[in-house]
Amino acid sequence: MKPCVFLDENITKSFEAKLRNAGFNTYRPRKGAKDEEVFQSCLAKGCILITKDKDFLRVDYPKLKGFVLIEGKDKHIERCFDSIVKHIKVGVKVEIKVSSNCKVSWKPI
């Protein structure tokens, strides 16, 4: 079974649908939730946090199941889903940069 993922509001609904089709359970914060509320909700659910918001680089990672910071245009992120999804794992904290030709570079954070 795939881990659950908690998607910040800056992650598109179509990316969420692709995650669900790939077997992930997805959750979202209430509209307008502050970063601390998003973090606490993710922690309470025991999920991996996925966001495009660099402000989350300040959170307490050891408490999270995993963390994925994605950089790139939404259309590239969605088109390059298969290259991104392999980095969504429990225990992994990673920053992913996506280019227009689906070149995905990543680094642990």
Foldseek 3Di string as FASTA:
>chain_A
DAFEEEEEPVQDPLLVVVCVVVPHHYHYDPPPDDPVVSVVVQLVRQHEYEYQDPVCVPDDVVSHQEYEHEDDDNVQCNVLVVVPVVQGHGPFYKYWYADNVRPIDMDGD
